[in-house]
Amino acid sequence: MAAQVEISEEDQLRAGWYSLLAQLLSREPNAELLQMLRGLDGDESELGKGIRALAAAARGTTVESARQEYFDLFVGIGQGELLPYASYYLTGFLNEKPLARLRDDMARLHIARADDVAEPEDHVAALCEMMSGLITGGFGAPADLIEQRKFFDTHIGCWAPRFFEDLQGAQSAVFYMPVGTIGRLFMAIEAQAFDMAA
């Protein structure tokens, strides 16, 4: 029997941030998610203030308006205001080489695409979910810091900060504006932490 691997509190926290971003960006918000967000409280750090802003935005919105905002931002008629895909941000087109590279790494890391997901795997929510799984061992043993950094640098850090910045400033973003702030700040923290660990 394989030994149980202890995940540090810091890594559990990191995985939690990735999971939260994945949950917020993978589908329209529902009543349960908004209710959970309304109860969040942050500290005086920039990230903590972002959490407080998100809680306030959740308190100031309805399920219907949050869903409409999600639609306007990410779906749209024809296309949403933002295209949250690595291929698009890195090449200007969907389903390009960044997606092929990701699929190669997914195969190597034994990460399978969920059957019920129609989006390409390089969607920002899917990448956040994958990163969370690499940290916690969702795809086998937890990935070491070298593997985590390689995945982050190759598939997330090279474009997601720009996406979150765009989300923060998007015309349709009200509820999602603090999501952009949180994502941007968290990406910077992750990049800095990986640099310090090198």
C-alpha atoms as a PDB file:
ATOM      1  CA  MET A   1       0.000   0.000   0.000  1.00  0.00           C
ATOM      2  CA  ALA A   2       1.322   3.473  -0.938  1.00  0.00           C
ATOM      3  CA  ALA A   3       2.254   5.777   1.924  1.00  0.00           C
ATOM      4  CA  GLN A   4      -0.073   8.725   2.506  1.00  0.00           C
ATOM      5  CA  VAL A   5       1.670  11.933   1.447  1.00  0.00           C
ATOM      6  CA  GLU A   6       1.255  14.909   3.771  1.00  0.00           C
ATOM      7  CA  ILE A   7       0.327  18.125   1.984  1.00  0.00           C
ATOM      8  CA  SER A   8       1.654  21.191   3.790  1.00  0.00           C
ATOM      9  CA  GLU A   9      -0.782  23.836   4.980  1.00  0.00           C
ATOM     10  CA  GLU A  10       0.785  26.297   2.528  1.00  0.00           C
ATOM     11  CA  ASP A  11       0.250  23.905  -0.393  1.00  0.00           C
ATOM     12  CA  GLN A  12      -3.333  23.217   0.692  1.00  0.00           C
ATOM     13  CA  LEU A  13      -3.902  26.970   0.698  1.00  0.00           C
ATOM     14  CA  ARG A  14      -2.349  27.355  -2.767  1.00  0.00           C
ATOM     15  CA  ALA A  15      -4.493  24.517  -4.109  1.00  0.00           C
ATOM     16  CA  GLY A  16      -7.539  26.193  -2.547  1.00  0.00           C
ATOM     17  CA  TRP A  17      -6.835  29.452  -4.404  1.00  0.00           C
ATOM     18  CA  TYR A  18      -6.526  27.563  -7.695  1.00  0.00           C
ATOM     19  CA  SER A  19      -9.761  25.664  -6.960  1.00  0.00           C
ATOM     20  CA  LEU A  20     -11.617  28.875  -6.156  1.00  0.00           C
ATOM     21  CA  LEU A  21     -10.488  30.485  -9.426  1.00  0.00           C
ATOM     22  CA  ALA A  22     -11.441  27.315 -11.333  1.00  0.00           C
ATOM     23  CA  GLN A  23     -14.882  27.290  -9.745  1.00  0.00           C
ATOM     24  CA  LEU A  24     -15.473  30.970 -10.517  1.00  0.00           C
ATOM     25  CA  LEU A  25     -14.362  30.701 -14.140  1.00  0.00           C
ATOM     26  CA  SER A  26     -15.560  27.259 -15.240  1.00  0.00           C
ATOM     27  CA  ARG A  27     -19.312  27.890 -15.250  1.00  0.00           C
ATOM     28  CA  GLU A  28     -22.030  30.408 -14.466  1.00  0.00           C
ATOM     29  CA  PRO A  29     -22.284  31.175 -10.740  1.00  0.00           C
ATOM     30  CA  ASN A  30     -25.133  29.485  -8.891  1.00  0.00           C
ATOM     31  CA  ALA A  31     -26.912  30.490  -5.682  1.00  0.00           C
ATOM     32  CA  GLU A  32     -24.693  28.234  -3.515  1.00  0.00           C
ATOM     33  CA  LEU A  33     -21.473  29.740  -4.849  1.00  0.00           C
ATOM     34  CA  LEU A  34     -22.711  33.298  -4.389  1.00  0.00           C
ATOM     35  CA  GLN A  35     -23.854  32.497  -0.851  1.00  0.00           C
ATOM     36  CA  MET A  36     -20.428  31.020  -0.011  1.00  0.00           C
ATOM     37  CA  LEU A  37     -18.657  34.078  -1.472  1.00  0.00           C
ATOM     38  CA  ARG A  38     -20.856  36.486   0.504  1.00  0.00           C
ATOM     39  CA  GLY A  39     -19.475  35.013   3.720  1.00  0.00           C
ATOM     40  CA  LEU A  40     -15.790  35.442   2.839  1.00  0.00           C
ATOM     41  CA  ASP A  41     -13.621  37.864   4.760  1.00  0.00           C
ATOM     42  CA  GLY A  42     -10.122  39.011   3.886  1.00  0.00           C
ATOM     43  CA  ASP A  43      -7.237  40.543   5.768  1.00  0.00           C
ATOM     44  CA  GLU A  44      -5.403  43.817   5.054  1.00  0.00           C
ATOM     45  CA  SER A  45      -3.130  42.322   2.371  1.00  0.00           C
ATOM     46  CA  GLU A  46      -3.860  43.171  -1.271  1.00  0.00           C
ATOM     47  CA  LEU A  47      -5.201  39.659  -1.786  1.00  0.00           C
ATOM     48  CA  GLY A  48      -7.299  39.946   1.373  1.00  0.00           C
ATOM     49  CA  LYS A  49      -8.780  43.214   0.112  1.00  0.00           C
ATOM     50  CA  GLY A  50      -9.551  41.466  -3.178  1.00  0.00           C
ATOM     51  CA  ILE A  51     -11.437  38.779  -1.255  1.00  0.00           C
ATOM     52  CA  ARG A  52     -13.394  41.437   0.624  1.00  0.00           C
ATOM     53  CA  ALA A  53     -14.243  43.134  -2.692  1.00  0.00           C
ATOM     54  CA  LEU A  54     -15.407  39.778  -4.110  1.00  0.00           C
ATOM     55  CA  ALA A  55     -17.614  39.153  -1.045  1.00  0.00           C
ATOM     56  CA  ALA A  56     -19.105  42.647  -1.438  1.00  0.00           C
ATOM     57  CA  ALA A  57     -19.673  42.064  -5.173  1.00  0.00           C
ATOM     58  CA  ALA A  58     -21.396  38.749  -4.395  1.00  0.00           C
ATOM     59  CA  ARG A  59     -23.631  40.493  -1.842  1.00  0.00           C
ATOM     60  CA  GLY A  60     -24.472  43.158  -4.420  1.00  0.00           C
ATOM     61  CA  THR A  61     -25.509  40.810  -7.210  1.00  0.00           C
ATOM     62  CA  THR A  62     -28.223  38.277  -7.955  1.00  0.00           C
ATOM     63  CA  VAL A  63     -27.831  34.850  -9.528  1.00  0.00           C
ATOM     64  CA  GLU A  64     -29.477  36.165 -12.694  1.00  0.00           C
ATOM     65  CA  SER A  65     -27.197  39.195 -13.060  1.00  0.00           C
ATOM     66  CA  ALA A  66     -24.057  37.146 -12.248  1.00  0.00           C
ATOM     67  CA  ARG A  67     -25.061  34.582 -14.878  1.00  0.00           C
ATOM     68  CA  GLN A  68     -25.701  37.326 -17.440  1.00  0.00           C
ATOM     69  CA  GLU A  69     -22.289  38.810 -16.654  1.00  0.00           C
ATOM     70  CA  TYR A  70     -20.629  35.403 -17.092  1.00  0.00           C
ATOM     71  CA  PHE A  71     -22.407  35.035 -20.440  1.00  0.00           C
ATOM     72  CA  ASP A  72     -21.362  38.504 -21.623  1.00  0.00           C
ATOM     73  CA  LEU A  73     -17.752  38.009 -20.548  1.00  0.00           C
ATOM     74  CA  PHE A  74     -17.036  34.428 -21.614  1.00  0.00           C
ATOM     75  CA  VAL A  75     -19.769  33.167 -23.963  1.00  0.00           C
ATOM     76  CA  GLY A  76     -21.541  35.995 -25.761  1.00  0.00           C
ATOM     77  CA  ILE A  77     -23.497  35.902 -28.959  1.00  0.00           C
ATOM     78  CA  GLY A  78     -20.790  34.658 -31.291  1.00  0.00           C
ATOM     79  CA  GLN A  79     -18.105  35.235 -28.663  1.00  0.00           C
ATOM     80  CA  GLY A  80     -17.705  36.773 -25.233  1.00  0.00           C
ATOM     81  CA  GLU A  81     -15.742  39.874 -24.365  1.00  0.00           C
ATOM     82  CA  LEU A  82     -12.792  37.669 -23.274  1.00  0.00           C
ATOM     83  CA  LEU A  83     -11.443  34.376 -24.627  1.00  0.00           C
ATOM     84  CA  PRO A  84      -9.939  32.624 -21.571  1.00  0.00           C
ATOM     85  CA  TYR A  85      -7.676  30.211 -23.468  1.00  0.00           C
ATOM     86  CA  ALA A  86      -3.896  29.911 -23.474  1.00  0.00           C
ATOM     87  CA  SER A  87      -3.810  29.368 -27.259  1.00  0.00           C
ATOM     88  CA  TYR A  88      -5.696  32.589 -27.887  1.00  0.00           C
ATOM     89  CA  TYR A  89      -3.548  34.679 -25.542  1.00  0.00           C
ATOM     90  CA  LEU A  90      -0.282  33.223 -26.817  1.00  0.00           C
ATOM     91  CA  THR A  91      -1.002  32.980 -30.562  1.00  0.00           C
ATOM     92  CA  GLY A  92      -4.171  34.982 -31.259  1.00  0.00           C
ATOM     93  CA  PHE A  93      -5.983  31.806 -32.348  1.00  0.00           C
ATOM     94  CA  LEU A  94      -7.829  28.978 -30.597  1.00  0.00           C
ATOM     95  CA  ASN A  95      -6.652  25.340 -30.647  1.00  0.00           C
ATOM     96  CA  GLU A  96      -3.049  26.147 -31.496  1.00  0.00           C
ATOM     97  CA  LYS A  97       0.371  24.803 -30.381  1.00  0.00           C
ATOM     98  CA  PRO A  98      -0.080  25.771 -26.694  1.00  0.00           C
ATOM     99  CA  LEU A  99      -3.066  23.395 -26.551  1.00  0.00           C
ATOM    100  CA  ALA A 100      -1.049  20.602 -28.226  1.00  0.00           C
ATOM    101  CA  ARG A 101       1.791  21.119 -25.705  1.00  0.00           C
ATOM    102  CA  LEU A 102      -0.711  21.017 -22.856  1.00  0.00           C
ATOM    103  CA  ARG A 103      -2.234  17.769 -24.128  1.00  0.00           C
ATOM    104  CA  ASP A 104       1.254  16.228 -24.283  1.00  0.00           C
ATOM    105  CA  ASP A 105       1.918  17.260 -20.675  1.00  0.00           C
ATOM    106  CA  MET A 106      -1.513  16.048 -19.569  1.00  0.00           C
ATOM    107  CA  ALA A 107      -0.744  12.625 -21.032  1.00  0.00           C
ATOM    108  CA  ARG A 108       2.671  12.577 -19.347  1.00  0.00           C
ATOM    109  CA  LEU A 109       1.166  13.593 -15.987  1.00  0.00           C
ATOM    110  CA  HIS A 110      -1.806  11.195 -16.310  1.00  0.00           C
ATOM    111  CA  ILE A 111      -4.365  14.022 -16.370  1.00  0.00           C
ATOM    112  CA  ALA A 112      -7.499  13.016 -18.257  1.00  0.00           C
ATOM    113  CA  ARG A 113     -10.008  15.424 -19.723  1.00  0.00           C
ATOM    114  CA  ALA A 114     -13.428  15.164 -18.065  1.00  0.00           C
ATOM    115  CA  ASP A 115     -16.007  13.532 -20.351  1.00  0.00           C
ATOM    116  CA  ASP A 116     -18.648  16.196 -19.716  1.00  0.00           C
ATOM    117  CA  VAL A 117     -16.419  19.156 -20.652  1.00  0.00           C
ATOM    118  CA  ALA A 118     -16.736  20.632 -24.133  1.00  0.00           C
ATOM    119  CA  GLU A 119     -14.183  23.444 -23.696  1.00  0.00           C
ATOM    120  CA  PRO A 120     -10.599  23.020 -24.939  1.00  0.00           C
ATOM    121  CA  GLU A 121      -8.271  21.981 -22.122  1.00  0.00           C
ATOM    122  CA  ASP A 122      -6.317  25.255 -22.199  1.00  0.00           C
ATOM    123  CA  HIS A 123      -9.250  27.163 -20.648  1.00  0.00           C
ATOM    124  CA  VAL A 124      -8.008  29.124 -17.610  1.00  0.00           C
ATOM    125  CA  ALA A 125     -10.422  27.288 -15.275  1.00  0.00           C
ATOM    126  CA  ALA A 126      -9.210  23.866 -16.429  1.00  0.00           C
ATOM    127  CA  LEU A 127      -5.580  24.909 -15.983  1.00  0.00           C
ATOM    128  CA  CYS A 128      -6.281  26.155 -12.447  1.00  0.00           C
ATOM    129  CA  GLU A 129      -8.007  22.856 -11.689  1.00  0.00           C
ATOM    130  CA  MET A 130      -5.016  20.918 -13.049  1.00  0.00           C
ATOM    131  CA  MET A 131      -2.590  22.992 -10.983  1.00  0.00           C
ATOM    132  CA  SER A 132      -4.633  22.337  -7.846  1.00  0.00           C
ATOM    133  CA  GLY A 133      -4.572  18.602  -8.608  1.00  0.00           C
ATOM    134  CA  LEU A 134      -0.812  18.615  -9.175  1.00  0.00           C
ATOM    135  CA  ILE A 135      -0.305  20.269  -5.779  1.00  0.00           C
ATOM    136  CA  THR A 136      -2.630  17.952  -3.843  1.00  0.00           C
ATOM    137  CA  GLY A 137      -2.017  14.697  -5.696  1.00  0.00           C
ATOM    138  CA  GLY A 138      -5.316  14.660  -7.561  1.00  0.00           C
ATOM    139  CA  PHE A 139      -3.656  12.796 -10.459  1.00  0.00           C
ATOM    140  CA  GLY A 140      -1.536  10.367  -8.445  1.00  0.00           C
ATOM    141  CA  ALA A 141       1.294  11.469  -6.194  1.00  0.00           C
ATOM    142  CA  PRO A 142       1.584  15.228  -5.610  1.00  0.00           C
ATOM    143  CA  ALA A 143       3.931  16.815  -8.126  1.00  0.00           C
ATOM    144  CA  ASP A 144       7.190  18.145  -6.713  1.00  0.00           C
ATOM    145  CA  LEU A 145       7.952  21.866  -6.860  1.00  0.00           C
ATOM    146  CA  ILE A 146      10.057  21.468 -10.025  1.00  0.00           C
ATOM    147  CA  GLU A 147       7.158  19.809 -11.874  1.00  0.00           C
ATOM    148  CA  GLN A 148       4.673  22.357 -10.520  1.00  0.00           C
ATOM    149  CA  ARG A 149       6.866  25.234 -11.657  1.00  0.00           C
ATOM    150  CA  LYS A 150       7.350  23.705 -15.100  1.00  0.00           C
ATOM    151  CA  PHE A 151       3.584  23.326 -15.530  1.00  0.00           C
ATOM    152  CA  PHE A 152       2.935  26.842 -14.206  1.00  0.00           C
ATOM    153  CA  ASP A 153       5.581  28.487 -16.395  1.00  0.00           C
ATOM    154  CA  THR A 154       4.591  26.575 -19.544  1.00  0.00           C
ATOM    155  CA  HIS A 155       0.810  26.678 -19.306  1.00  0.00           C
ATOM    156  CA  ILE A 156      -0.298  29.396 -16.847  1.00  0.00           C
ATOM    157  CA  GLY A 157       2.301  32.010 -15.905  1.00  0.00           C
ATOM    158  CA  CYS A 158       3.061  32.922 -19.518  1.00  0.00           C
ATOM    159  CA  TRP A 159      -0.457  34.280 -20.195  1.00  0.00           C
ATOM    160  CA  ALA A 160      -2.917  34.039 -17.270  1.00  0.00           C
ATOM    161  CA  PRO A 161      -1.682  37.251 -15.588  1.00  0.00           C
ATOM    162  CA  ARG A 162      -2.669  39.174 -18.742  1.00  0.00           C
ATOM    163  CA  PHE A 163      -6.037  37.423 -18.827  1.00  0.00           C
ATOM    164  CA  PHE A 164      -6.759  38.327 -15.191  1.00  0.00           C
ATOM    165  CA  GLU A 165      -5.695  41.914 -15.872  1.00  0.00           C
ATOM    166  CA  ASP A 166      -8.085  41.994 -18.835  1.00  0.00           C
ATOM    167  CA  LEU A 167     -10.845  40.519 -16.673  1.00  0.00           C
ATOM    168  CA  GLN A 168     -10.234  43.142 -14.003  1.00  0.00           C
ATOM    169  CA  GLY A 169     -10.710  45.889 -16.589  1.00  0.00           C
ATOM    170  CA  ALA A 170     -13.373  44.252 -18.767  1.00  0.00           C
ATOM    171  CA  GLN A 171     -16.318  46.426 -19.724  1.00  0.00           C
ATOM    172  CA  SER A 172     -18.881  43.810 -18.596  1.00  0.00           C
ATOM    173  CA  ALA A 173     -17.087  42.968 -15.330  1.00  0.00           C
ATOM    174  CA  VAL A 174     -18.785  44.005 -12.094  1.00  0.00           C
ATOM    175  CA  PHE A 175     -19.005  40.807 -10.047  1.00  0.00           C
ATOM    176  CA  TYR A 176     -15.997  39.450 -11.988  1.00  0.00           C
ATOM    177  CA  MET A 177     -13.805  42.534 -11.561  1.00  0.00           C
ATOM    178  CA  PRO A 178     -12.499  41.385  -8.135  1.00  0.00           C
ATOM    179  CA  VAL A 179     -12.056  37.868  -9.592  1.00  0.00           C
ATOM    180  CA  GLY A 180      -9.635  39.476 -12.045  1.00  0.00           C
ATOM    181  CA  THR A 181      -7.878  41.273  -9.184  1.00  0.00           C
ATOM    182  CA  ILE A 182      -7.564  38.096  -7.104  1.00  0.00           C
ATOM    183  CA  GLY A 183      -6.317  36.093 -10.082  1.00  0.00           C
ATOM    184  CA  ARG A 184      -3.752  38.739 -11.038  1.00  0.00           C
ATOM    185  CA  LEU A 185      -2.420  39.026  -7.480  1.00  0.00           C
ATOM    186  CA  PHE A 186      -2.336  35.272  -6.927  1.00  0.00           C
ATOM    187  CA  MET A 187      -0.461  34.676 -10.200  1.00  0.00           C
ATOM    188  CA  ALA A 188       2.157  37.229  -9.113  1.00  0.00           C
ATOM    189  CA  ILE A 189       2.493  35.553  -5.691  1.00  0.00           C
ATOM    190  CA  GLU A 190       2.919  32.124  -7.313  1.00  0.00           C
ATOM    191  CA  ALA A 191       5.545  33.373  -9.788  1.00  0.00           C
ATOM    192  CA  GLN A 192       7.464  35.081  -6.984  1.00  0.00           C
ATOM    193  CA  ALA A 193       7.280  31.982  -4.750  1.00  0.00           C
ATOM    194  CA  PHE A 194       8.590  29.753  -7.543  1.00  0.00           C
ATOM    195  CA  ASP A 195      11.454  32.210  -8.140  1.00  0.00           C
ATOM    196  CA  MET A 196      12.338  32.226  -4.436  1.00  0.00           C
ATOM    197  CA  ALA A 197      12.275  28.420  -4.292  1.00  0.00           C
ATOM    198  CA  ALA A 198      14.625  28.069  -7.287  1.00  0.00           C
END
